[in-house]
């Protein structure tokens, strides 16, 4: 089982939006990050072949590709166009040896809830086998209803987990955004049910209840219980990447360089706390306790 002392941290291109990929990779290496989450619009400017070359030269891997989906037509595309776009994204992820493609269901639009769910279920059942064959997992990301005005109908963790279990395909999992759900009671009460589906964890902080105008703060700059939730996920067996992706005015004011420094400092502190926790557990271990109070004697 992976511990928090070996925490795999990735940074997102959305955090360093105005940097080009060569600059991003240079700073990733400088600050000790070996993984990056790529945003498809920026990737289209770079080109997949050149991006792959840059990544190989820098020794940086791709943690995830953002994003595809919108199967309900809420972004103006037809269902077939959304499927084709997702197929293209799967192929791109395969070329970049990227294990995860983030998927958004889309907004409800003018559909009934049952029809919107049916559209997404049909799309995922068609796409997940192709993703699995390409070595890619589709990570469905629920969008909290307070996060975006008129946001996605897939607004709760329970809904996303239920749909993933209903589709029941190996190439499909869950993208858990702690910025949206770190203070959601179901995250703790339902962790045993959904942990097996989590393929990606996204981390940003905030102050107070979630609302659509809130920015994604660097971890530690808000009051979400991020460290507690991350420790619970890792202690319970989560094995995937953790992407830190603050976005907003705070990042712009601080600057990309200092934001990466802050992210690195936060990750290092979390690792130290994890080591202390492991050390305390080891110190409290005894043969008597491990044997349930009974130790056989020769």
Protein backbone atom coordinates (compact mmCIF):
# COMPACT_ATOMS: atom_id res chain seq x y z
CA UNK A 1 0.00 0.00 0.00
CA UNK A 2 1.32 3.44 -0.88
CA UNK A 3 1.85 5.85 2.01
CA UNK A 4 1.73 9.63 2.07
CA UNK A 5 5.54 9.59 2.22
CA UNK A 6 5.56 8.48 -1.44
CA UNK A 7 2.79 10.84 -2.52
CA UNK A 8 2.66 11.14 -6.34
CA UNK A 9 2.02 14.84 -7.00
CA UNK A 10 1.16 16.33 -10.40
CA UNK A 11 0.53 19.95 -11.37
CA UNK A 12 -2.03 21.15 -13.87
CA UNK A 13 -1.54 23.26 -16.98
CA UNK A 14 -4.60 25.20 -15.86
CA UNK A 15 -2.57 26.52 -12.94
CA UNK A 16 0.16 27.85 -15.24
CA UNK A 17 -2.22 28.82 -18.01
CA UNK A 18 -0.07 31.51 -19.67
CA UNK A 19 3.12 29.44 -19.77
CA UNK A 20 3.93 27.32 -22.80
CA UNK A 21 4.69 23.63 -22.31
CA UNK A 22 8.51 23.95 -22.53
CA UNK A 23 8.46 26.56 -19.74
CA UNK A 24 6.04 24.51 -17.66
CA UNK A 25 8.18 21.41 -17.91
CA UNK A 26 11.32 23.34 -17.02
CA UNK A 27 9.69 24.65 -13.84
CA UNK A 28 8.15 21.25 -13.01
CA UNK A 29 11.60 19.69 -13.02
CA UNK A 30 13.07 22.63 -11.10
CA UNK A 31 10.55 22.21 -8.30
CA UNK A 32 10.69 18.43 -8.15
CA UNK A 33 7.43 17.50 -9.90
CA UNK A 34 7.60 14.52 -12.24
CA UNK A 35 4.03 14.65 -13.56
CA UNK A 36 1.78 17.17 -15.28
CA UNK A 37 -1.89 17.25 -16.23
CA UNK A 38 -2.36 18.48 -19.79
CA UNK A 39 -5.23 20.66 -21.01
CA UNK A 40 -6.36 19.80 -24.52
CA UNK A 41 -6.65 23.38 -25.90
CA UNK A 42 -3.03 24.07 -24.89
CA UNK A 43 -1.95 20.69 -26.21
CA UNK A 44 -3.50 21.46 -29.60
CA UNK A 45 -1.26 24.54 -29.81
CA UNK A 46 1.83 22.48 -29.00
CA UNK A 47 1.01 19.41 -31.08
CA UNK A 48 0.98 15.86 -29.71
CA UNK A 49 4.24 14.72 -31.33
CA UNK A 50 6.21 17.73 -30.11
CA UNK A 51 4.63 17.50 -26.65
CA UNK A 52 5.65 13.84 -26.41
CA UNK A 53 9.22 14.75 -27.36
CA UNK A 54 9.36 17.53 -24.76
CA UNK A 55 7.95 15.26 -22.05
CA UNK A 56 10.47 12.53 -22.79
CA UNK A 57 13.37 14.98 -22.74
CA UNK A 58 12.24 16.46 -19.42
CA UNK A 59 11.51 13.08 -17.81
CA UNK A 60 8.00 14.23 -16.92
CA UNK A 61 5.00 11.95 -17.33
CA UNK A 62 1.35 12.89 -17.99
CA UNK A 63 -0.97 12.20 -15.08
CA UNK A 64 -4.19 13.03 -16.93
CA UNK A 65 -5.65 14.70 -19.99
CA UNK A 66 -8.40 17.33 -19.55
CA UNK A 67 -11.14 16.89 -20.73
CA UNK A 68 -13.82 15.30 -22.95
CA UNK A 69 -17.54 14.63 -22.65
CA UNK A 70 -20.55 16.91 -22.70
CA UNK A 71 -22.74 14.10 -24.00
CA UNK A 72 -26.00 15.92 -23.23
CA UNK A 73 -25.38 18.53 -25.94
CA UNK A 74 -25.12 21.39 -23.45
CA UNK A 75 -21.98 22.75 -25.15
CA UNK A 76 -23.60 22.90 -28.58
CA UNK A 77 -22.28 19.64 -30.00
CA UNK A 78 -24.38 16.70 -31.02
CA UNK A 79 -24.14 13.40 -29.18
CA UNK A 80 -22.21 11.88 -32.10
CA UNK A 81 -19.78 14.82 -32.19
CA UNK A 82 -19.11 14.44 -28.48
CA UNK A 83 -18.44 10.72 -28.95
CA UNK A 84 -16.02 11.43 -31.80
CA UNK A 85 -14.22 14.07 -29.76
CA UNK A 86 -13.85 11.66 -26.88
CA UNK A 87 -12.46 8.99 -29.21
CA UNK A 88 -9.90 11.50 -30.41
CA UNK A 89 -9.00 12.36 -26.80
CA UNK A 90 -8.52 8.66 -26.00
CA UNK A 91 -6.14 8.32 -28.93
CA UNK A 92 -4.23 11.40 -27.78
CA UNK A 93 -3.95 10.02 -24.26
CA UNK A 94 -2.64 6.74 -25.62
CA UNK A 95 0.02 8.52 -27.68
CA UNK A 96 1.18 10.38 -24.56
CA UNK A 97 1.13 7.26 -22.33
CA UNK A 98 -1.45 9.12 -20.24
CA UNK A 99 -3.42 6.78 -17.94
CA UNK A 100 -6.47 8.99 -17.30
CA UNK A 101 -8.84 11.07 -19.43
CA UNK A 102 -11.16 13.29 -17.38
CA UNK A 103 -14.80 13.09 -18.47
CA UNK A 104 -17.61 15.57 -17.82
CA UNK A 105 -21.18 14.41 -18.26
CA UNK A 106 -22.51 17.80 -19.35
CA UNK A 107 -25.39 19.92 -18.12
CA UNK A 108 -28.95 18.71 -18.06
CA UNK A 109 -29.98 21.23 -20.71
CA UNK A 110 -33.54 20.70 -21.87
CA UNK A 111 -33.50 16.95 -21.12
CA UNK A 112 -35.30 15.15 -18.36
CA UNK A 113 -32.90 13.81 -15.74
CA UNK A 114 -33.59 10.24 -16.81
CA UNK A 115 -32.84 11.02 -20.47
CA UNK A 116 -29.67 12.96 -19.64
CA UNK A 117 -28.48 10.03 -17.53
CA UNK A 118 -29.37 7.62 -20.34
CA UNK A 119 -27.29 9.61 -22.84
CA UNK A 120 -24.25 9.60 -20.56
CA UNK A 121 -24.66 5.92 -19.73
CA UNK A 122 -24.84 5.03 -23.42
CA UNK A 123 -21.75 7.10 -24.21
CA UNK A 124 -19.68 5.59 -21.40
CA UNK A 125 -20.65 2.04 -22.32
CA UNK A 126 -19.51 2.68 -25.87
CA UNK A 127 -16.30 4.52 -24.99
CA UNK A 128 -14.97 2.67 -21.93
CA UNK A 129 -13.98 -0.53 -23.80
CA UNK A 130 -12.05 1.54 -26.37
CA UNK A 131 -10.33 3.42 -23.56
CA UNK A 132 -9.40 0.21 -21.78
CA UNK A 133 -7.93 -1.22 -25.00
CA UNK A 134 -5.81 1.93 -25.30
CA UNK A 135 -4.58 1.67 -21.71
CA UNK A 136 -6.63 4.71 -20.66
CA UNK A 137 -9.22 5.09 -17.90
CA UNK A 138 -12.15 7.47 -18.33
CA UNK A 139 -12.45 9.31 -15.00
CA UNK A 140 -15.95 10.74 -14.60
CA UNK A 141 -15.81 14.05 -12.71
CA UNK A 142 -19.03 15.16 -10.99
CA UNK A 143 -19.62 18.92 -11.02
CA UNK A 144 -21.12 20.24 -7.80
CA UNK A 145 -24.32 22.18 -8.49
CA UNK A 146 -22.87 25.22 -6.68
CA UNK A 147 -19.68 25.15 -8.76
CA UNK A 148 -21.08 26.35 -12.09
CA UNK A 149 -24.23 28.31 -12.87
CA UNK A 150 -26.66 25.84 -14.41
CA UNK A 151 -23.99 23.20 -13.69
CA UNK A 152 -23.91 19.56 -14.55
CA UNK A 153 -26.76 17.32 -13.59
CA UNK A 154 -24.14 14.86 -12.28
CA UNK A 155 -23.68 17.02 -9.19
CA UNK A 156 -23.12 14.55 -6.34
CA UNK A 157 -20.52 11.90 -5.66
CA UNK A 158 -23.28 9.38 -5.04
CA UNK A 159 -24.73 9.98 -8.51
CA UNK A 160 -21.38 9.52 -10.23
CA UNK A 161 -20.56 6.35 -8.29
CA UNK A 162 -24.01 4.94 -9.00
CA UNK A 163 -23.59 5.55 -12.74
CA UNK A 164 -20.08 4.05 -12.77
CA UNK A 165 -21.37 0.92 -11.06
CA UNK A 166 -24.33 0.75 -13.43
CA UNK A 167 -22.10 0.99 -16.53
CA UNK A 168 -19.72 -1.56 -14.97
CA UNK A 169 -16.78 -1.23 -17.37
CA UNK A 170 -13.12 -1.68 -16.41
CA UNK A 171 -12.15 1.41 -18.42
CA UNK A 172 -14.30 3.73 -16.28
CA UNK A 173 -13.59 5.30 -12.89
CA UNK A 174 -14.08 8.42 -10.79
CA UNK A 175 -12.22 11.75 -10.69
CA UNK A 176 -12.59 13.08 -7.14
CA UNK A 177 -12.24 16.86 -6.82
CA UNK A 178 -11.60 17.74 -3.18
CA UNK A 179 -12.18 21.42 -3.92
CA UNK A 180 -15.80 20.47 -4.55
CA UNK A 181 -16.28 17.64 -2.09
CA UNK A 182 -13.68 17.72 0.74
CA UNK A 183 -16.38 18.97 3.13
CA UNK A 184 -19.11 16.71 1.76
CA UNK A 185 -20.30 14.36 4.55
CA UNK A 186 -20.71 11.54 2.02
CA UNK A 187 -16.99 11.64 1.24
CA UNK A 188 -16.29 10.16 4.66
CA UNK A 189 -19.40 8.08 5.17
CA UNK A 190 -19.31 6.58 1.66
CA UNK A 191 -15.54 6.24 1.22
CA UNK A 192 -15.56 2.46 1.51
CA UNK A 193 -18.14 2.28 -1.30
CA UNK A 194 -16.49 4.60 -3.81
CA UNK A 195 -12.74 4.30 -3.11
CA UNK A 196 -12.41 1.32 -5.43
CA UNK A 197 -13.57 3.56 -8.30
CA UNK A 198 -11.28 6.56 -7.71
CA UNK A 199 -8.69 6.92 -10.47
CA UNK A 200 -7.70 10.56 -9.94
CA UNK A 201 -7.77 13.04 -7.04
CA UNK A 202 -7.75 16.80 -7.68
CA UNK A 203 -6.76 19.23 -4.93
CA UNK A 204 -7.41 22.93 -4.43
CA UNK A 205 -8.55 24.89 -1.38
CA UNK A 206 -11.32 27.37 -0.64
CA UNK A 207 -12.83 29.37 2.20
CA UNK A 208 -16.42 28.79 3.20
CA UNK A 209 -19.23 27.10 1.29
CA UNK A 210 -18.78 26.43 -2.41
CA UNK A 211 -20.26 28.92 -4.86
CA UNK A 212 -19.80 29.62 -8.56
CA UNK A 213 -17.58 32.71 -8.17
CA UNK A 214 -15.11 31.02 -5.83
CA UNK A 215 -11.55 30.52 -6.99
CA UNK A 216 -9.41 27.46 -6.54
CA UNK A 217 -6.85 28.41 -3.90
CA UNK A 218 -3.49 26.70 -3.37
CA UNK A 219 -3.81 23.95 -0.73
CA UNK A 220 -3.37 25.37 2.74
CA UNK A 221 -4.65 28.82 1.72
CA UNK A 222 -8.24 27.96 2.65
CA UNK A 223 -10.02 26.02 5.35
CA UNK A 224 -10.95 22.73 3.69
CA UNK A 225 -9.88 19.54 5.53
CA UNK A 226 -7.61 18.56 2.64
CA UNK A 227 -4.85 16.88 4.64
CA UNK A 228 -7.33 14.78 6.60
CA UNK A 229 -9.16 13.64 3.48
CA UNK A 230 -5.95 12.91 1.57
CA UNK A 231 -4.57 10.92 4.51
CA UNK A 232 -7.81 8.93 4.71
CA UNK A 233 -7.76 8.17 0.99
CA UNK A 234 -4.12 7.09 0.99
CA UNK A 235 -4.40 5.08 4.22
CA UNK A 236 -7.44 3.33 2.73
CA UNK A 237 -5.41 2.28 -0.31
CA UNK A 238 -5.68 4.96 -3.00
CA UNK A 239 -2.86 4.35 -5.50
CA UNK A 240 -3.32 7.02 -8.18
CA UNK A 241 -2.02 10.51 -8.87
CA UNK A 242 -2.91 13.60 -6.88
CA UNK A 243 -3.22 16.68 -9.07
CA UNK A 244 -2.91 20.08 -7.43
CA UNK A 245 -4.64 22.67 -9.59
CA UNK A 246 -5.27 26.09 -8.01
CA UNK A 247 -6.73 28.60 -10.47
CA UNK A 248 -7.83 32.20 -10.05
CA UNK A 249 -6.87 35.66 -8.85
CA UNK A 250 -4.76 34.37 -5.96
CA UNK A 251 -2.54 32.44 -8.37
CA UNK A 252 -2.23 35.44 -10.70
CA UNK A 253 -1.28 37.77 -7.84
CA UNK A 254 1.19 35.32 -6.33
CA UNK A 255 2.69 34.35 -9.67
CA UNK A 256 3.20 30.92 -11.17
CA UNK A 257 6.71 30.50 -9.78
CA UNK A 258 5.71 31.20 -6.19
CA UNK A 259 2.56 29.10 -6.56
CA UNK A 260 4.67 26.09 -7.55
CA UNK A 261 6.93 26.77 -4.56
CA UNK A 262 3.86 26.80 -2.30
CA UNK A 263 2.55 23.56 -3.81
CA UNK A 264 5.92 21.89 -3.29
CA UNK A 265 6.06 23.13 0.30
CA UNK A 266 2.57 21.81 0.99
CA UNK A 267 3.37 18.40 -0.50
CA UNK A 268 6.61 18.17 1.51
CA UNK A 269 4.76 19.05 4.72
CA UNK A 270 2.10 16.46 4.05
CA UNK A 271 4.75 13.82 3.44
CA UNK A 272 6.47 14.70 6.73
CA UNK A 273 3.18 14.42 8.60
CA UNK A 274 2.61 11.06 6.94
CA UNK A 275 6.03 9.86 8.08
CA UNK A 276 5.29 11.00 11.63
CA UNK A 277 1.96 9.18 11.54
CA UNK A 278 3.64 5.98 10.32
CA UNK A 279 6.33 6.32 13.00
CA UNK A 280 3.72 6.76 15.74
CA UNK A 281 1.83 3.71 14.51
CA UNK A 282 5.02 1.66 14.50
CA UNK A 283 5.95 2.86 17.99
CA UNK A 284 2.54 1.86 19.36
CA UNK A 285 2.70 -1.63 17.82
CA UNK A 286 3.31 -4.57 20.10
CA UNK A 287 3.15 -8.35 19.61
CA UNK A 288 0.39 -8.53 22.22
CA UNK A 289 -1.77 -5.92 20.46
CA UNK A 290 -1.10 -7.45 17.04
CA UNK A 291 -2.22 -10.84 18.30
CA UNK A 292 -5.46 -9.44 19.64
CA UNK A 293 -4.29 -9.61 23.24
CA UNK A 294 -2.96 -13.17 23.14
CA UNK A 295 0.57 -14.32 22.48
CA UNK A 296 1.41 -17.99 22.35
CA UNK A 297 4.30 -19.02 24.56
CA UNK A 298 6.80 -21.82 23.97
